[in-house]
Amino acid sequence: MSTWPCSFRNAGILRGDARDQIYRPLPEVVLERIDQGFLEETISGEHFAKYFMANAEDGKIEEMIAARL
């Protein structure tokens, strides 16, 4: 049994190939799993585009939403 703290052992799991197999970027996961009807209804709202695009901080999410507008 290793004497390293658990955080070091767990960090090793998330390096290289293992990380590539299990990691998916959060914006993609959320936009895929959210109810698509709810998402479309929300982003097609009267003020959504104006306020979202003006205040978006994550370029990836902004691009994904803009593609759906």
PDB file of N, CA and C in Angstrom:
ATOM      1  N   MET A   1       0.844  -1.191   0.000  1.00  0.00           N
ATOM      2  CA  MET A   1       0.000   0.000   0.000  1.00  0.00           C
ATOM      3  C   MET A   1       0.880   1.243   0.000  1.00  0.00           C
ATOM      4  N   SER A   2       0.517   2.203  -0.780  1.00  0.00           N
ATOM      5  CA  SER A   2       1.287   3.430  -0.912  1.00  0.00           C
ATOM      6  C   SER A   2       1.172   4.288   0.338  1.00  0.00           C
ATOM      7  N   THR A   3       2.228   5.001   0.619  1.00  0.00           N
ATOM      8  CA  THR A   3       2.204   5.919   1.764  1.00  0.00           C
ATOM      9  C   THR A   3       1.860   7.331   1.332  1.00  0.00           C
ATOM     10  N   TRP A   4       1.682   7.528   0.027  1.00  0.00           N
ATOM     11  CA  TRP A   4       1.330   8.851  -0.455  1.00  0.00           C
ATOM     12  C   TRP A   4      -0.083   9.210  -0.027  1.00  0.00           C
ATOM     13  N   PRO A   5      -0.330  10.476   0.242  1.00  0.00           N
ATOM     14  CA  PRO A   5      -1.709  10.893   0.558  1.00  0.00           C
ATOM     15  C   PRO A   5      -2.640  10.573  -0.604  1.00  0.00           C
ATOM     16  N   CYS A   6      -3.862  10.365  -0.290  1.00  0.00           N
ATOM     17  CA  CYS A   6      -4.879   9.983  -1.273  1.00  0.00           C
ATOM     18  C   CYS A   6      -4.940  10.978  -2.433  1.00  0.00           C
ATOM     19  N   SER A   7      -4.806  12.271  -2.162  1.00  0.00           N
ATOM     20  CA  SER A   7      -4.927  13.267  -3.230  1.00  0.00           C
ATOM     21  C   SER A   7      -3.849  13.078  -4.292  1.00  0.00           C
ATOM     22  N   PHE A   8      -2.640  12.661  -3.892  1.00  0.00           N
ATOM     23  CA  PHE A   8      -1.583  12.427  -4.868  1.00  0.00           C
ATOM     24  C   PHE A   8      -1.904  11.204  -5.727  1.00  0.00           C
ATOM     25  N   ARG A   9      -2.417  10.161  -5.113  1.00  0.00           N
ATOM     26  CA  ARG A   9      -2.779   8.969  -5.877  1.00  0.00           C
ATOM     27  C   ARG A   9      -3.915   9.269  -6.847  1.00  0.00           C
ATOM     28  N   ASN A  10      -4.915  10.019  -6.386  1.00  0.00           N
ATOM     29  CA  ASN A  10      -6.045  10.356  -7.247  1.00  0.00           C
ATOM     30  C   ASN A  10      -5.620  11.281  -8.381  1.00  0.00           C
ATOM     31  N   ALA A  11      -4.702  12.187  -8.110  1.00  0.00           N
ATOM     32  CA  ALA A  11      -4.231  13.091  -9.152  1.00  0.00           C
ATOM     33  C   ALA A  11      -3.547  12.300 -10.253  1.00  0.00           C
ATOM     34  N   GLY A  12      -2.846  11.231  -9.895  1.00  0.00           N
ATOM     35  CA  GLY A  12      -2.180  10.400 -10.883  1.00  0.00           C
ATOM     36  C   GLY A  12      -3.159   9.721 -11.821  1.00  0.00           C
ATOM     37  N   ILE A  13      -4.337   9.414 -11.342  1.00  0.00           N
ATOM     38  CA  ILE A  13      -5.358   8.773 -12.166  1.00  0.00           C
ATOM     39  C   ILE A  13      -5.813   9.705 -13.275  1.00  0.00           C
ATOM     40  N   LEU A  14      -5.846  10.998 -12.987  1.00  0.00           N
ATOM     41  CA  LEU A  14      -6.385  11.964 -13.939  1.00  0.00           C
ATOM     42  C   LEU A  14      -5.321  12.556 -14.855  1.00  0.00           C
ATOM     43  N   ARG A  15      -4.234  11.831 -15.074  1.00  0.00           N
ATOM     44  CA  ARG A  15      -3.195  12.253 -16.012  1.00  0.00           C
ATOM     45  C   ARG A  15      -3.231  11.355 -17.242  1.00  0.00           C
ATOM     46  N   GLY A  16      -2.842  11.901 -18.347  1.00  0.00           N
ATOM     47  CA  GLY A  16      -2.659  11.096 -19.550  1.00  0.00           C
ATOM     48  C   GLY A  16      -3.918  10.472 -20.100  1.00  0.00           C
ATOM     49  N   ASP A  17      -3.792   9.212 -20.512  1.00  0.00           N
ATOM     50  CA  ASP A  17      -4.875   8.517 -21.209  1.00  0.00           C
ATOM     51  C   ASP A  17      -6.125   8.353 -20.366  1.00  0.00           C
ATOM     52  N   ALA A  18      -5.958   8.073 -19.082  1.00  0.00           N
ATOM     53  CA  ALA A  18      -7.137   7.883 -18.223  1.00  0.00           C
ATOM     54  C   ALA A  18      -7.972   9.149 -18.199  1.00  0.00           C
ATOM     55  N   ARG A  19      -7.326  10.278 -18.074  1.00  0.00           N
ATOM     56  CA  ARG A  19      -8.050  11.553 -18.044  1.00  0.00           C
ATOM     57  C   ARG A  19      -8.764  11.774 -19.373  1.00  0.00           C
ATOM     58  N   ASP A  20      -8.079  11.498 -20.471  1.00  0.00           N
ATOM     59  CA  ASP A  20      -8.680  11.709 -21.789  1.00  0.00           C
ATOM     60  C   ASP A  20      -9.922  10.842 -21.994  1.00  0.00           C
ATOM     61  N   GLN A  21      -9.955   9.688 -21.382  1.00  0.00           N
ATOM     62  CA  GLN A  21     -11.086   8.784 -21.540  1.00  0.00           C
ATOM     63  C   GLN A  21     -12.287   9.181 -20.695  1.00  0.00           C
ATOM     64  N   ILE A  22     -12.050   9.793 -19.528  1.00  0.00           N
ATOM     65  CA  ILE A  22     -13.160  10.080 -18.618  1.00  0.00           C
ATOM     66  C   ILE A  22     -13.566  11.539 -18.556  1.00  0.00           C
ATOM     67  N   TYR A  23     -12.732  12.428 -19.034  1.00  0.00           N
ATOM     68  CA  TYR A  23     -13.013  13.852 -18.918  1.00  0.00           C
ATOM     69  C   TYR A  23     -13.796  14.344 -20.124  1.00  0.00           C
ATOM     70  N   ARG A  24     -14.867  15.052 -19.867  1.00  0.00           N
ATOM     71  CA  ARG A  24     -15.613  15.742 -20.918  1.00  0.00           C
ATOM     72  C   ARG A  24     -15.853  17.160 -20.435  1.00  0.00           C
ATOM     73  N   PRO A  25     -15.631  18.141 -21.291  1.00  0.00           N
ATOM     74  CA  PRO A  25     -15.811  19.533 -20.884  1.00  0.00           C
ATOM     75  C   PRO A  25     -17.235  19.793 -20.394  1.00  0.00           C
ATOM     76  N   LEU A  26     -17.348  20.495 -19.302  1.00  0.00           N
ATOM     77  CA  LEU A  26     -18.642  20.743 -18.663  1.00  0.00           C
ATOM     78  C   LEU A  26     -19.665  21.398 -19.587  1.00  0.00           C
ATOM     79  N   PRO A  27     -19.320  22.424 -20.341  1.00  0.00           N
ATOM     80  CA  PRO A  27     -20.356  23.035 -21.192  1.00  0.00           C
ATOM     81  C   PRO A  27     -21.011  22.037 -22.147  1.00  0.00           C
ATOM     82  N   GLU A  28     -20.218  21.159 -22.725  1.00  0.00           N
ATOM     83  CA  GLU A  28     -20.776  20.176 -23.651  1.00  0.00           C
ATOM     84  C   GLU A  28     -21.705  19.208 -22.934  1.00  0.00           C
ATOM     85  N   VAL A  29     -21.312  18.760 -21.758  1.00  0.00           N
ATOM     86  CA  VAL A  29     -22.126  17.816 -20.995  1.00  0.00           C
ATOM     87  C   VAL A  29     -23.449  18.460 -20.605  1.00  0.00           C
ATOM     88  N   VAL A  30     -23.389  19.677 -20.098  1.00  0.00           N
ATOM     89  CA  VAL A  30     -24.605  20.358 -19.645  1.00  0.00           C
ATOM     90  C   VAL A  30     -25.548  20.597 -20.818  1.00  0.00           C
ATOM     91  N   LEU A  31     -25.022  21.105 -21.925  1.00  0.00           N
ATOM     92  CA  LEU A  31     -25.886  21.406 -23.061  1.00  0.00           C
ATOM     93  C   LEU A  31     -26.447  20.154 -23.710  1.00  0.00           C
ATOM     94  N   GLU A  32     -25.768  19.026 -23.579  1.00  0.00           N
ATOM     95  CA  GLU A  32     -26.293  17.774 -24.116  1.00  0.00           C
ATOM     96  C   GLU A  32     -27.368  17.181 -23.210  1.00  0.00           C
ATOM     97  N   ARG A  33     -27.173  17.286 -21.910  1.00  0.00           N
ATOM     98  CA  ARG A  33     -28.061  16.609 -20.959  1.00  0.00           C
ATOM     99  C   ARG A  33     -29.277  17.414 -20.542  1.00  0.00           C
ATOM    100  N   ILE A  34     -29.225  18.723 -20.708  1.00  0.00           N
ATOM    101  CA  ILE A  34     -30.362  19.541 -20.306  1.00  0.00           C
ATOM    102  C   ILE A  34     -31.532  19.236 -21.248  1.00  0.00           C
ATOM    103  N   ASP A  35     -32.728  19.332 -20.752  1.00  0.00           N
ATOM    104  CA  ASP A  35     -33.910  19.123 -21.576  1.00  0.00           C
ATOM    105  C   ASP A  35     -33.855  20.087 -22.756  1.00  0.00           C
ATOM    106  N   GLN A  36     -33.820  19.556 -23.966  1.00  0.00           N
ATOM    107  CA  GLN A  36     -33.623  20.378 -25.155  1.00  0.00           C
ATOM    108  C   GLN A  36     -34.779  21.343 -25.407  1.00  0.00           C
ATOM    109  N   GLY A  37     -35.991  20.939 -25.070  1.00  0.00           N
ATOM    110  CA  GLY A  37     -37.138  21.838 -25.207  1.00  0.00           C
ATOM    111  C   GLY A  37     -37.010  23.030 -24.284  1.00  0.00           C
ATOM    112  N   PHE A  38     -36.590  22.764 -23.045  1.00  0.00           N
ATOM    113  CA  PHE A  38     -36.384  23.835 -22.069  1.00  0.00           C
ATOM    114  C   PHE A  38     -35.279  24.776 -22.544  1.00  0.00           C
ATOM    115  N   LEU A  39     -34.195  24.206 -23.057  1.00  0.00           N
ATOM    116  CA  LEU A  39     -33.079  25.021 -23.534  1.00  0.00           C
ATOM    117  C   LEU A  39     -33.520  25.925 -24.684  1.00  0.00           C
ATOM    118  N   GLU A  40     -34.201  25.350 -25.660  1.00  0.00           N
ATOM    119  CA  GLU A  40     -34.649  26.145 -26.810  1.00  0.00           C
ATOM    120  C   GLU A  40     -35.612  27.247 -26.374  1.00  0.00           C
ATOM    121  N   GLU A  41     -36.518  26.917 -25.472  1.00  0.00           N
ATOM    122  CA  GLU A  41     -37.476  27.914 -24.987  1.00  0.00           C
ATOM    123  C   GLU A  41     -36.758  29.042 -24.253  1.00  0.00           C
ATOM    124  N   THR A  42     -35.758  28.679 -23.469  1.00  0.00           N
ATOM    125  CA  THR A  42     -35.021  29.671 -22.685  1.00  0.00           C
ATOM    126  C   THR A  42     -34.212  30.604 -23.573  1.00  0.00           C
ATOM    127  N   ILE A  43     -33.459  30.050 -24.498  1.00  0.00           N
ATOM    128  CA  ILE A  43     -32.588  30.906 -25.305  1.00  0.00           C
ATOM    129  C   ILE A  43     -33.338  31.670 -26.382  1.00  0.00           C
ATOM    130  N   SER A  44     -34.564  31.285 -26.662  1.00  0.00           N
ATOM    131  CA  SER A  44     -35.344  32.031 -27.653  1.00  0.00           C
ATOM    132  C   SER A  44     -36.167  33.140 -27.007  1.00  0.00           C
ATOM    133  N   GLY A  45     -36.001  33.314 -25.705  1.00  0.00           N
ATOM    134  CA  GLY A  45     -36.724  34.369 -24.997  1.00  0.00           C
ATOM    135  C   GLY A  45     -36.351  35.755 -25.503  1.00  0.00           C
ATOM    136  N   GLU A  46     -37.228  36.691 -25.253  1.00  0.00           N
ATOM    137  CA  GLU A  46     -37.093  38.043 -25.782  1.00  0.00           C
ATOM    138  C   GLU A  46     -35.776  38.726 -25.397  1.00  0.00           C
ATOM    139  N   HIS A  47     -35.331  38.553 -24.166  1.00  0.00           N
ATOM    140  CA  HIS A  47     -34.154  39.279 -23.682  1.00  0.00           C
ATOM    141  C   HIS A  47     -32.913  38.413 -23.512  1.00  0.00           C
ATOM    142  N   PHE A  48     -33.025  37.120 -23.727  1.00  0.00           N
ATOM    143  CA  PHE A  48     -31.896  36.229 -23.442  1.00  0.00           C
ATOM    144  C   PHE A  48     -30.632  36.609 -24.205  1.00  0.00           C
ATOM    145  N   ALA A  49     -30.717  36.706 -25.513  1.00  0.00           N
ATOM    146  CA  ALA A  49     -29.523  36.974 -26.329  1.00  0.00           C
ATOM    147  C   ALA A  49     -28.859  38.282 -25.925  1.00  0.00           C
ATOM    148  N   LYS A  50     -29.661  39.306 -25.701  1.00  0.00           N
ATOM    149  CA  LYS A  50     -29.104  40.618 -25.348  1.00  0.00           C
ATOM    150  C   LYS A  50     -28.308  40.539 -24.044  1.00  0.00           C
ATOM    151  N   TYR A  51     -28.880  39.944 -23.017  1.00  0.00           N
ATOM    152  CA  TYR A  51     -28.209  39.901 -21.720  1.00  0.00           C
ATOM    153  C   TYR A  51     -27.122  38.835 -21.664  1.00  0.00           C
ATOM    154  N   PHE A  52     -27.355  37.690 -22.267  1.00  0.00           N
ATOM    155  CA  PHE A  52     -26.363  36.615 -22.209  1.00  0.00           C
ATOM    156  C   PHE A  52     -25.095  37.001 -22.959  1.00  0.00           C
ATOM    157  N   MET A  53     -25.244  37.450 -24.198  1.00  0.00           N
ATOM    158  CA  MET A  53     -24.066  37.779 -25.003  1.00  0.00           C
ATOM    159  C   MET A  53     -23.293  38.945 -24.399  1.00  0.00           C
ATOM    160  N   ALA A  54     -23.977  39.876 -23.769  1.00  0.00           N
ATOM    161  CA  ALA A  54     -23.298  41.020 -23.159  1.00  0.00           C
ATOM    162  C   ALA A  54     -22.495  40.623 -21.924  1.00  0.00           C
ATOM    163  N   ASN A  55     -22.910  39.552 -21.242  1.00  0.00           N
ATOM    164  CA  ASN A  55     -22.280  39.190 -19.978  1.00  0.00           C
ATOM    165  C   ASN A  55     -21.574  37.837 -19.990  1.00  0.00           C
ATOM    166  N   ALA A  56     -21.554  37.142 -21.093  1.00  0.00           N
ATOM    167  CA  ALA A  56     -20.934  35.815 -21.149  1.00  0.00           C
ATOM    168  C   ALA A  56     -19.437  35.923 -20.885  1.00  0.00           C
ATOM    169  N   GLU A  57     -18.941  35.031 -20.037  1.00  0.00           N
ATOM    170  CA  GLU A  57     -17.527  35.033 -19.698  1.00  0.00           C
ATOM    171  C   GLU A  57     -16.786  33.834 -20.282  1.00  0.00           C
ATOM    172  N   ASP A  58     -17.499  32.815 -20.681  1.00  0.00           N
ATOM    173  CA  ASP A  58     -16.876  31.613 -21.225  1.00  0.00           C
ATOM    174  C   ASP A  58     -17.130  31.575 -22.725  1.00  0.00           C
ATOM    175  N   GLY A  59     -16.075  31.768 -23.500  1.00  0.00           N
ATOM    176  CA  GLY A  59     -16.214  31.822 -24.948  1.00  0.00           C
ATOM    177  C   GLY A  59     -16.796  30.559 -25.552  1.00  0.00           C
ATOM    178  N   LYS A  60     -16.452  29.406 -24.989  1.00  0.00           N
ATOM    179  CA  LYS A  60     -16.950  28.129 -25.508  1.00  0.00           C
ATOM    180  C   LYS A  60     -18.469  28.041 -25.349  1.00  0.00           C
ATOM    181  N   ILE A  61     -18.977  28.414 -24.176  1.00  0.00           N
ATOM    182  CA  ILE A  61     -20.425  28.387 -23.949  1.00  0.00           C
ATOM    183  C   ILE A  61     -21.102  29.417 -24.860  1.00  0.00           C
ATOM    184  N   GLU A  62     -20.509  30.575 -24.983  1.00  0.00           N
ATOM    185  CA  GLU A  62     -21.078  31.617 -25.837  1.00  0.00           C
ATOM    186  C   GLU A  62     -21.199  31.126 -27.278  1.00  0.00           C
ATOM    187  N   GLU A  63     -20.168  30.453 -27.780  1.00  0.00           N
ATOM    188  CA  GLU A  63     -20.212  29.916 -29.140  1.00  0.00           C
ATOM    189  C   GLU A  63     -21.297  28.861 -29.293  1.00  0.00           C
ATOM    190  N   MET A  64     -21.425  27.986 -28.305  1.00  0.00           N
ATOM    191  CA  MET A  64     -22.416  26.915 -28.381  1.00  0.00           C
ATOM    192  C   MET A  64     -23.833  27.488 -28.362  1.00  0.00           C
ATOM    193  N   ILE A  65     -24.074  28.488 -27.543  1.00  0.00           N
ATOM    194  CA  ILE A  65     -25.402  29.113 -27.479  1.00  0.00           C
ATOM    195  C   ILE A  65     -25.674  29.903 -28.756  1.00  0.00           C
ATOM    196  N   ALA A  66     -24.675  30.646 -29.227  1.00  0.00           N
ATOM    197  CA  ALA A  66     -24.846  31.446 -30.449  1.00  0.00           C
ATOM    198  C   ALA A  66     -25.192  30.548 -31.643  1.00  0.00           C
ATOM    199  N   ALA A  67     -24.632  29.370 -31.680  1.00  0.00           N
ATOM    200  CA  ALA A  67     -24.931  28.431 -32.778  1.00  0.00           C
ATOM    201  C   ALA A  67     -26.377  27.960 -32.739  1.00  0.00           C
ATOM    202  N   ARG A  68     -26.986  27.993 -31.574  1.00  0.00           N
ATOM    203  CA  ARG A  68     -28.387  27.547 -31.439  1.00  0.00           C
ATOM    204  C   ARG A  68     -29.380  28.673 -31.621  1.00  0.00           C
ATOM    205  N   LEU A  69     -28.916  29.913 -31.564  1.00  0.00           N
ATOM    206  CA  LEU A  69     -29.849  31.057 -31.710  1.00  0.00           C
ATOM    207  C   LEU A  69     -30.287  31.247 -33.134  1.00  0.00           C
TER     208      LEU A  69
END
